[in-house]
């Protein structure tokens, strides 16, 4: 087989270009604009984004709605435009273990889509949310012609694997106290756009304390007890779901 036997990106795009141009509609343009809000699609041309937009549908879900259950078939993956989504395992007796709390710009469902397996977790909206569902086949078609896009997907999956490994390390080697302090510091970094904050700061917890406790592999009682201890030590002040940190440098230095 020589190189002419292998379809290259230019030839595949040429074969698909006429139908792609004719199919452009105001709805495709609107969905393309929504797709470009996500870092995953940065660097793609308008034509490439428009091709993907043909396999996209917008989903608006109220707080508490379940997007899918464990065992449901996976037909694509989701991109969060606004709101928060919880991924969790649920036992037969109703106990729940939160795996991830996802925010705008993040995606989920790629791994099971690539494996052609059903979902292994359930997904639920923690707040009112707006998402895009990107269909599996249109996505695979784009991967076939764009190596850079492939690398972006692999990088995203690798980052998620790295986070999960960090979670295992934290659950195994770090105390509950250090897990909570680490979580608060990460929340502040996100809020401050990765600029190291100084002095007094306030953090609004993105969801309920019970959900965060499950995410940190703690019971809600243990979570509350640690917050109480940190309050008694003058490291934090709790006001509902708002955590005030009088001196974030001191909290950072208190990590074990």
C-alpha atoms as a PDB file:
ATOM      1  CA  UNK A   1       0.000   0.000   0.000  1.00  0.00           C
ATOM      2  CA  UNK A   2       1.391   3.423  -0.890  1.00  0.00           C
ATOM      3  CA  UNK A   3       0.486   6.794   0.572  1.00  0.00           C
ATOM      4  CA  UNK A   4      -2.206   7.312  -2.088  1.00  0.00           C
ATOM      5  CA  UNK A   5      -4.136   4.353  -0.694  1.00  0.00           C
ATOM      6  CA  UNK A   6      -4.548   6.082   2.671  1.00  0.00           C
ATOM      7  CA  UNK A   7      -7.180   8.850   2.761  1.00  0.00           C
ATOM      8  CA  UNK A   8      -5.473  12.039   3.899  1.00  0.00           C
ATOM      9  CA  UNK A   9      -7.121  14.934   5.675  1.00  0.00           C
ATOM     10  CA  UNK A  10      -7.226  17.113   2.546  1.00  0.00           C
ATOM     11  CA  UNK A  11      -8.871  14.448   0.385  1.00  0.00           C
ATOM     12  CA  UNK A  12     -11.472  13.560   2.980  1.00  0.00           C
ATOM     13  CA  UNK A  13     -12.293  17.229   3.536  1.00  0.00           C
ATOM     14  CA  UNK A  14     -12.580  17.747  -0.199  1.00  0.00           C
ATOM     15  CA  UNK A  15     -15.040  14.857  -0.490  1.00  0.00           C
ATOM     16  CA  UNK A  16     -17.168  16.264   2.330  1.00  0.00           C
ATOM     17  CA  UNK A  17     -16.881  19.985   1.630  1.00  0.00           C
ATOM     18  CA  UNK A  18     -19.774  20.435  -0.836  1.00  0.00           C
ATOM     19  CA  UNK A  19     -22.405  18.840   1.391  1.00  0.00           C
ATOM     20  CA  UNK A  20     -20.969  20.669   4.436  1.00  0.00           C
ATOM     21  CA  UNK A  21     -21.241  24.060   2.744  1.00  0.00           C
ATOM     22  CA  UNK A  22     -24.782  23.431   1.540  1.00  0.00           C
ATOM     23  CA  UNK A  23     -25.963  22.264   4.932  1.00  0.00           C
ATOM     24  CA  UNK A  24     -24.990  25.475   6.758  1.00  0.00           C
ATOM     25  CA  UNK A  25     -28.061  26.904   8.496  1.00  0.00           C
ATOM     26  CA  UNK A  26     -28.695  29.481  11.222  1.00  0.00           C
ATOM     27  CA  UNK A  27     -29.045  26.606  13.697  1.00  0.00           C
ATOM     28  CA  UNK A  28     -25.690  25.106  12.675  1.00  0.00           C
ATOM     29  CA  UNK A  29     -24.110  28.552  13.053  1.00  0.00           C
ATOM     30  CA  UNK A  30     -25.661  28.961  16.512  1.00  0.00           C
ATOM     31  CA  UNK A  31     -24.431  25.552  17.663  1.00  0.00           C
ATOM     32  CA  UNK A  32     -21.000  26.309  16.204  1.00  0.00           C
ATOM     33  CA  UNK A  33     -20.829  29.462  18.327  1.00  0.00           C
ATOM     34  CA  UNK A  34     -21.685  27.422  21.417  1.00  0.00           C
ATOM     35  CA  UNK A  35     -19.013  24.820  20.602  1.00  0.00           C
ATOM     36  CA  UNK A  36     -16.308  27.453  20.286  1.00  0.00           C
ATOM     37  CA  UNK A  37     -16.875  28.451  23.933  1.00  0.00           C
ATOM     38  CA  UNK A  38     -15.049  25.255  24.948  1.00  0.00           C
ATOM     39  CA  UNK A  39     -11.229  24.981  24.989  1.00  0.00           C
ATOM     40  CA  UNK A  40     -11.547  21.548  23.344  1.00  0.00           C
ATOM     41  CA  UNK A  41     -12.549  23.173  20.050  1.00  0.00           C
ATOM     42  CA  UNK A  42      -9.995  25.987  20.104  1.00  0.00           C
ATOM     43  CA  UNK A  43      -7.835  25.907  17.007  1.00  0.00           C
ATOM     44  CA  UNK A  44     -10.436  24.297  14.750  1.00  0.00           C
ATOM     45  CA  UNK A  45     -11.483  26.202  11.651  1.00  0.00           C
ATOM     46  CA  UNK A  46     -15.036  27.483  11.227  1.00  0.00           C
ATOM     47  CA  UNK A  47     -15.649  24.756   8.633  1.00  0.00           C
ATOM     48  CA  UNK A  48     -14.436  22.025  11.007  1.00  0.00           C
ATOM     49  CA  UNK A  49     -16.558  23.297  13.891  1.00  0.00           C
ATOM     50  CA  UNK A  50     -19.587  23.529  11.586  1.00  0.00           C
ATOM     51  CA  UNK A  51     -19.125  19.876  10.578  1.00  0.00           C
ATOM     52  CA  UNK A  52     -19.171  18.811  14.229  1.00  0.00           C
ATOM     53  CA  UNK A  53     -22.168  21.052  14.907  1.00  0.00           C
ATOM     54  CA  UNK A  54     -24.240  18.888  12.554  1.00  0.00           C
ATOM     55  CA  UNK A  55     -24.062  16.099  15.120  1.00  0.00           C
ATOM     56  CA  UNK A  56     -24.801  18.312  18.130  1.00  0.00           C
ATOM     57  CA  UNK A  57     -27.982  18.847  20.072  1.00  0.00           C
ATOM     58  CA  UNK A  58     -28.513  21.309  22.875  1.00  0.00           C
ATOM     59  CA  UNK A  59     -29.859  20.060  26.211  1.00  0.00           C
ATOM     60  CA  UNK A  60     -31.248  22.211  29.009  1.00  0.00           C
ATOM     61  CA  UNK A  61     -31.817  20.382  32.279  1.00  0.00           C
ATOM     62  CA  UNK A  62     -33.331  21.564  35.566  1.00  0.00           C
ATOM     63  CA  UNK A  63     -31.572  21.084  38.883  1.00  0.00           C
ATOM     64  CA  UNK A  64     -31.766  17.475  40.057  1.00  0.00           C
ATOM     65  CA  UNK A  65     -32.537  15.920  36.668  1.00  0.00           C
ATOM     66  CA  UNK A  66     -30.625  12.739  35.809  1.00  0.00           C
ATOM     67  CA  UNK A  67     -29.042  12.769  32.358  1.00  0.00           C
ATOM     68  CA  UNK A  68     -28.276   9.060  32.312  1.00  0.00           C
ATOM     69  CA  UNK A  69     -28.036   6.055  34.637  1.00  0.00           C
ATOM     70  CA  UNK A  70     -25.342   3.428  34.923  1.00  0.00           C
ATOM     71  CA  UNK A  71     -25.929   0.850  32.192  1.00  0.00           C
ATOM     72  CA  UNK A  72     -27.520   3.281  29.725  1.00  0.00           C
ATOM     73  CA  UNK A  73     -26.149   3.182  26.186  1.00  0.00           C
ATOM     74  CA  UNK A  74     -23.638   5.891  25.287  1.00  0.00           C
ATOM     75  CA  UNK A  75     -24.344   7.624  21.966  1.00  0.00           C
ATOM     76  CA  UNK A  76     -21.817  10.444  22.318  1.00  0.00           C
ATOM     77  CA  UNK A  77     -20.376  12.738  24.943  1.00  0.00           C
ATOM     78  CA  UNK A  78     -21.441  15.940  26.683  1.00  0.00           C
ATOM     79  CA  UNK A  79     -19.968  19.427  26.915  1.00  0.00           C
ATOM     80  CA  UNK A  80     -21.091  21.669  29.787  1.00  0.00           C
ATOM     81  CA  UNK A  81     -21.898  25.246  28.786  1.00  0.00           C
ATOM     82  CA  UNK A  82     -23.324  26.348  32.133  1.00  0.00           C
ATOM     83  CA  UNK A  83     -24.192  24.793  35.481  1.00  0.00           C
ATOM     84  CA  UNK A  84     -22.665  21.814  37.274  1.00  0.00           C
ATOM     85  CA  UNK A  85     -22.965  18.087  36.684  1.00  0.00           C
ATOM     86  CA  UNK A  86     -22.287  15.329  39.204  1.00  0.00           C
ATOM     87  CA  UNK A  87     -20.953  11.913  38.184  1.00  0.00           C
ATOM     88  CA  UNK A  88     -21.541   9.240  40.817  1.00  0.00           C
ATOM     89  CA  UNK A  89     -21.830   5.562  41.590  1.00  0.00           C
ATOM     90  CA  UNK A  90     -25.074   4.509  43.270  1.00  0.00           C
ATOM     91  CA  UNK A  91     -25.467   1.257  45.184  1.00  0.00           C
ATOM     92  CA  UNK A  92     -28.575  -0.916  45.209  1.00  0.00           C
ATOM     93  CA  UNK A  93     -29.511   0.425  48.657  1.00  0.00           C
ATOM     94  CA  UNK A  94     -29.254   4.048  47.516  1.00  0.00           C
ATOM     95  CA  UNK A  95     -25.815   4.962  48.853  1.00  0.00           C
ATOM     96  CA  UNK A  96     -23.885   7.285  46.593  1.00  0.00           C
ATOM     97  CA  UNK A  97     -20.207   7.960  45.897  1.00  0.00           C
ATOM     98  CA  UNK A  98     -19.512  11.157  43.971  1.00  0.00           C
ATOM     99  CA  UNK A  99     -16.732  10.670  41.427  1.00  0.00           C
ATOM    100  CA  UNK A 100     -16.548  14.139  39.877  1.00  0.00           C
ATOM    101  CA  UNK A 101     -18.208  17.538  40.053  1.00  0.00           C
ATOM    102  CA  UNK A 102     -17.927  19.054  36.577  1.00  0.00           C
ATOM    103  CA  UNK A 103     -18.103  22.719  35.576  1.00  0.00           C
ATOM    104  CA  UNK A 104     -18.611  24.766  32.387  1.00  0.00           C
ATOM    105  CA  UNK A 105     -16.079  23.977  29.672  1.00  0.00           C
ATOM    106  CA  UNK A 106     -15.578  20.396  30.841  1.00  0.00           C
ATOM    107  CA  UNK A 107     -16.694  17.288  28.971  1.00  0.00           C
ATOM    108  CA  UNK A 108     -17.712  13.817  30.083  1.00  0.00           C
ATOM    109  CA  UNK A 109     -18.547  10.470  28.516  1.00  0.00           C
ATOM    110  CA  UNK A 110     -15.647  10.277  26.046  1.00  0.00           C
ATOM    111  CA  UNK A 111     -14.028   7.186  27.568  1.00  0.00           C
ATOM    112  CA  UNK A 112     -17.099   4.932  27.398  1.00  0.00           C
ATOM    113  CA  UNK A 113     -17.864   6.320  23.938  1.00  0.00           C
ATOM    114  CA  UNK A 114     -14.460   5.191  22.679  1.00  0.00           C
ATOM    115  CA  UNK A 115     -14.843   1.781  24.348  1.00  0.00           C
ATOM    116  CA  UNK A 116     -18.362   1.395  22.943  1.00  0.00           C
ATOM    117  CA  UNK A 117     -19.565   0.480  26.432  1.00  0.00           C
ATOM    118  CA  UNK A 118     -22.595   1.590  28.465  1.00  0.00           C
ATOM    119  CA  UNK A 119     -22.156   4.278  31.106  1.00  0.00           C
ATOM    120  CA  UNK A 120     -20.534   3.073  34.333  1.00  0.00           C
ATOM    121  CA  UNK A 121     -21.760   6.037  36.412  1.00  0.00           C
ATOM    122  CA  UNK A 122     -24.872   8.155  36.633  1.00  0.00           C
ATOM    123  CA  UNK A 123     -24.912  11.863  35.766  1.00  0.00           C
ATOM    124  CA  UNK A 124     -27.133  14.378  37.539  1.00  0.00           C
ATOM    125  CA  UNK A 125     -27.492  18.158  37.287  1.00  0.00           C
ATOM    126  CA  UNK A 126     -26.485  19.825  40.560  1.00  0.00           C
ATOM    127  CA  UNK A 127     -27.821  23.123  39.226  1.00  0.00           C
ATOM    128  CA  UNK A 128     -29.850  24.178  36.241  1.00  0.00           C
ATOM    129  CA  UNK A 129     -27.520  23.379  33.352  1.00  0.00           C
ATOM    130  CA  UNK A 130     -27.061  23.872  29.630  1.00  0.00           C
ATOM    131  CA  UNK A 131     -25.136  21.179  27.744  1.00  0.00           C
ATOM    132  CA  UNK A 132     -24.282  20.057  24.263  1.00  0.00           C
ATOM    133  CA  UNK A 133     -24.443  16.397  23.271  1.00  0.00           C
ATOM    134  CA  UNK A 134     -21.931  15.614  20.523  1.00  0.00           C
ATOM    135  CA  UNK A 135     -22.930  12.528  18.559  1.00  0.00           C
ATOM    136  CA  UNK A 136     -20.476   9.645  18.396  1.00  0.00           C
ATOM    137  CA  UNK A 137     -20.317   9.140  14.625  1.00  0.00           C
ATOM    138  CA  UNK A 138     -19.864  12.793  13.628  1.00  0.00           C
ATOM    139  CA  UNK A 139     -17.132  13.029  16.270  1.00  0.00           C
ATOM    140  CA  UNK A 140     -15.326   9.918  15.018  1.00  0.00           C
ATOM    141  CA  UNK A 141     -15.503  11.286  11.464  1.00  0.00           C
ATOM    142  CA  UNK A 142     -13.695  14.436  12.573  1.00  0.00           C
ATOM    143  CA  UNK A 143     -11.056  12.505  14.499  1.00  0.00           C
ATOM    144  CA  UNK A 144     -10.289  10.570  11.298  1.00  0.00           C
ATOM    145  CA  UNK A 145      -9.167  13.726   9.481  1.00  0.00           C
ATOM    146  CA  UNK A 146      -7.571  15.846  12.222  1.00  0.00           C
ATOM    147  CA  UNK A 147      -4.550  14.512  14.176  1.00  0.00           C
ATOM    148  CA  UNK A 148      -4.336  17.718  16.247  1.00  0.00           C
ATOM    149  CA  UNK A 149      -7.923  17.218  17.394  1.00  0.00           C
ATOM    150  CA  UNK A 150      -7.054  13.614  18.310  1.00  0.00           C
ATOM    151  CA  UNK A 151      -4.204  14.854  20.494  1.00  0.00           C
ATOM    152  CA  UNK A 152      -6.525  17.286  22.263  1.00  0.00           C
ATOM    153  CA  UNK A 153      -8.935  14.489  23.106  1.00  0.00           C
ATOM    154  CA  UNK A 154      -6.103  12.257  24.340  1.00  0.00           C
ATOM    155  CA  UNK A 155      -4.759  15.153  26.443  1.00  0.00           C
ATOM    156  CA  UNK A 156      -8.176  15.691  28.012  1.00  0.00           C
ATOM    157  CA  UNK A 157      -8.564  12.019  28.880  1.00  0.00           C
ATOM    158  CA  UNK A 158      -5.014  11.953  30.247  1.00  0.00           C
ATOM    159  CA  UNK A 159      -5.731  14.938  32.506  1.00  0.00           C
ATOM    160  CA  UNK A 160      -8.807  13.181  33.854  1.00  0.00           C
ATOM    161  CA  UNK A 161      -6.780  10.024  34.530  1.00  0.00           C
ATOM    162  CA  UNK A 162      -4.172  12.153  36.316  1.00  0.00           C
ATOM    163  CA  UNK A 163      -6.896  13.699  38.513  1.00  0.00           C
ATOM    164  CA  UNK A 164      -8.275  10.276  39.371  1.00  0.00           C
ATOM    165  CA  UNK A 165      -4.804   9.036  40.315  1.00  0.00           C
ATOM    166  CA  UNK A 166      -4.347  12.123  42.495  1.00  0.00           C
ATOM    167  CA  UNK A 167      -7.688  11.299  44.150  1.00  0.00           C
ATOM    168  CA  UNK A 168      -6.555   7.748  44.928  1.00  0.00           C
ATOM    169  CA  UNK A 169      -3.342   9.117  46.425  1.00  0.00           C
ATOM    170  CA  UNK A 170      -5.281  11.649  48.503  1.00  0.00           C
ATOM    171  CA  UNK A 171      -7.792   9.099  49.813  1.00  0.00           C
ATOM    172  CA  UNK A 172      -5.006   6.653  50.655  1.00  0.00           C
ATOM    173  CA  UNK A 173      -2.318   8.917  52.100  1.00  0.00           C
ATOM    174  CA  UNK A 174      -3.864  12.215  53.212  1.00  0.00           C
ATOM    175  CA  UNK A 175      -6.018  12.898  56.238  1.00  0.00           C
ATOM    176  CA  UNK A 176      -9.583  14.134  55.932  1.00  0.00           C
ATOM    177  CA  UNK A 177      -8.412  17.498  57.264  1.00  0.00           C
ATOM    178  CA  UNK A 178      -5.811  17.871  54.518  1.00  0.00           C
ATOM    179  CA  UNK A 179      -8.310  16.784  51.857  1.00  0.00           C
ATOM    180  CA  UNK A 180     -10.716  19.532  52.882  1.00  0.00           C
ATOM    181  CA  UNK A 181      -8.009  22.193  53.087  1.00  0.00           C
ATOM    182  CA  UNK A 182      -6.708  21.115  49.675  1.00  0.00           C
ATOM    183  CA  UNK A 183     -10.220  21.317  48.255  1.00  0.00           C
ATOM    184  CA  UNK A 184     -10.733  24.852  49.610  1.00  0.00           C
ATOM    185  CA  UNK A 185      -7.404  25.994  48.192  1.00  0.00           C
ATOM    186  CA  UNK A 186      -8.242  24.545  44.767  1.00  0.00           C
ATOM    187  CA  UNK A 187     -11.647  26.252  44.797  1.00  0.00           C
ATOM    188  CA  UNK A 188      -9.985  29.579  45.523  1.00  0.00           C
ATOM    189  CA  UNK A 189      -7.459  29.038  42.722  1.00  0.00           C
ATOM    190  CA  UNK A 190     -10.310  28.395  40.285  1.00  0.00           C
ATOM    191  CA  UNK A 191     -12.198  31.471  41.496  1.00  0.00           C
ATOM    192  CA  UNK A 192      -9.072  33.624  41.258  1.00  0.00           C
ATOM    193  CA  UNK A 193      -8.205  32.275  37.786  1.00  0.00           C
ATOM    194  CA  UNK A 194      -5.058  30.532  39.086  1.00  0.00           C
ATOM    195  CA  UNK A 195      -3.614  33.739  40.566  1.00  0.00           C
ATOM    196  CA  UNK A 196      -2.263  32.903  44.043  1.00  0.00           C
ATOM    197  CA  UNK A 197      -4.498  34.837  46.456  1.00  0.00           C
ATOM    198  CA  UNK A 198      -3.329  36.517  49.655  1.00  0.00           C
ATOM    199  CA  UNK A 199      -5.006  37.725  52.834  1.00  0.00           C
ATOM    200  CA  UNK A 200      -8.694  37.217  53.565  1.00  0.00           C
ATOM    201  CA  UNK A 201     -10.808  35.439  50.961  1.00  0.00           C
ATOM    202  CA  UNK A 202     -14.321  34.016  50.813  1.00  0.00           C
ATOM    203  CA  UNK A 203     -15.352  30.873  48.937  1.00  0.00           C
ATOM    204  CA  UNK A 204     -18.905  29.969  47.996  1.00  0.00           C
ATOM    205  CA  UNK A 205     -19.148  26.167  47.949  1.00  0.00           C
ATOM    206  CA  UNK A 206     -20.450  25.157  44.513  1.00  0.00           C
ATOM    207  CA  UNK A 207     -22.821  22.516  45.873  1.00  0.00           C
ATOM    208  CA  UNK A 208     -24.038  20.959  49.122  1.00  0.00           C
ATOM    209  CA  UNK A 209     -21.601  19.945  51.847  1.00  0.00           C
ATOM    210  CA  UNK A 210     -22.863  16.362  51.595  1.00  0.00           C
ATOM    211  CA  UNK A 211     -21.968  16.182  47.900  1.00  0.00           C
ATOM    212  CA  UNK A 212     -18.520  17.670  48.518  1.00  0.00           C
ATOM    213  CA  UNK A 213     -17.964  15.254  51.413  1.00  0.00           C
ATOM    214  CA  UNK A 214     -18.737  12.316  49.115  1.00  0.00           C
ATOM    215  CA  UNK A 215     -16.390  13.729  46.473  1.00  0.00           C
ATOM    216  CA  UNK A 216     -13.624  13.819  49.113  1.00  0.00           C
ATOM    217  CA  UNK A 217     -14.456  10.277  50.278  1.00  0.00           C
ATOM    218  CA  UNK A 218     -15.693  11.488  53.669  1.00  0.00           C
ATOM    219  CA  UNK A 219     -18.968  11.055  55.505  1.00  0.00           C
ATOM    220  CA  UNK A 220     -20.993  14.208  55.945  1.00  0.00           C
ATOM    221  CA  UNK A 221     -20.519  13.950  59.723  1.00  0.00           C
ATOM    222  CA  UNK A 222     -16.735  13.718  59.373  1.00  0.00           C
ATOM    223  CA  UNK A 223     -16.750  16.636  56.933  1.00  0.00           C
ATOM    224  CA  UNK A 224     -18.755  18.810  59.344  1.00  0.00           C
ATOM    225  CA  UNK A 225     -16.532  17.845  62.275  1.00  0.00           C
ATOM    226  CA  UNK A 226     -13.392  18.909  60.401  1.00  0.00           C
ATOM    227  CA  UNK A 227     -14.976  22.232  59.419  1.00  0.00           C
ATOM    228  CA  UNK A 228     -15.769  22.764  63.110  1.00  0.00           C
ATOM    229  CA  UNK A 229     -12.154  22.000  64.088  1.00  0.00           C
ATOM    230  CA  UNK A 230     -10.800  24.393  61.449  1.00  0.00           C
ATOM    231  CA  UNK A 231     -13.195  27.053  62.729  1.00  0.00           C
ATOM    232  CA  UNK A 232     -12.035  26.552  66.326  1.00  0.00           C
ATOM    233  CA  UNK A 233      -8.418  26.920  65.149  1.00  0.00           C
ATOM    234  CA  UNK A 234      -9.242  30.253  63.502  1.00  0.00           C
ATOM    235  CA  UNK A 235      -8.423  28.964  60.023  1.00  0.00           C
ATOM    236  CA  UNK A 236     -11.913  29.373  58.555  1.00  0.00           C
ATOM    237  CA  UNK A 237     -15.312  30.877  59.321  1.00  0.00           C
ATOM    238  CA  UNK A 238     -18.422  29.050  58.109  1.00  0.00           C
ATOM    239  CA  UNK A 239     -21.516  30.960  57.034  1.00  0.00           C
ATOM    240  CA  UNK A 240     -23.902  28.516  55.373  1.00  0.00           C
ATOM    241  CA  UNK A 241     -22.268  27.483  52.101  1.00  0.00           C
ATOM    242  CA  UNK A 242     -19.810  30.390  52.255  1.00  0.00           C
ATOM    243  CA  UNK A 243     -16.398  29.680  53.777  1.00  0.00           C
ATOM    244  CA  UNK A 244     -14.443  32.746  54.883  1.00  0.00           C
ATOM    245  CA  UNK A 245     -10.670  32.281  55.194  1.00  0.00           C
ATOM    246  CA  UNK A 246      -9.129  35.042  57.357  1.00  0.00           C
ATOM    247  CA  UNK A 247      -5.604  34.351  56.087  1.00  0.00           C
ATOM    248  CA  UNK A 248      -5.261  31.995  53.144  1.00  0.00           C
ATOM    249  CA  UNK A 249      -1.454  31.850  53.493  1.00  0.00           C
ATOM    250  CA  UNK A 250      -1.905  30.543  57.036  1.00  0.00           C
ATOM    251  CA  UNK A 251      -4.399  27.930  55.819  1.00  0.00           C
ATOM    252  CA  UNK A 252      -1.972  26.895  53.090  1.00  0.00           C
ATOM    253  CA  UNK A 253       0.856  26.569  55.605  1.00  0.00           C
ATOM    254  CA  UNK A 254      -1.322  24.376  57.857  1.00  0.00           C
ATOM    255  CA  UNK A 255      -1.356  21.522  55.338  1.00  0.00           C
ATOM    256  CA  UNK A 256       0.362  18.438  56.664  1.00  0.00           C
END
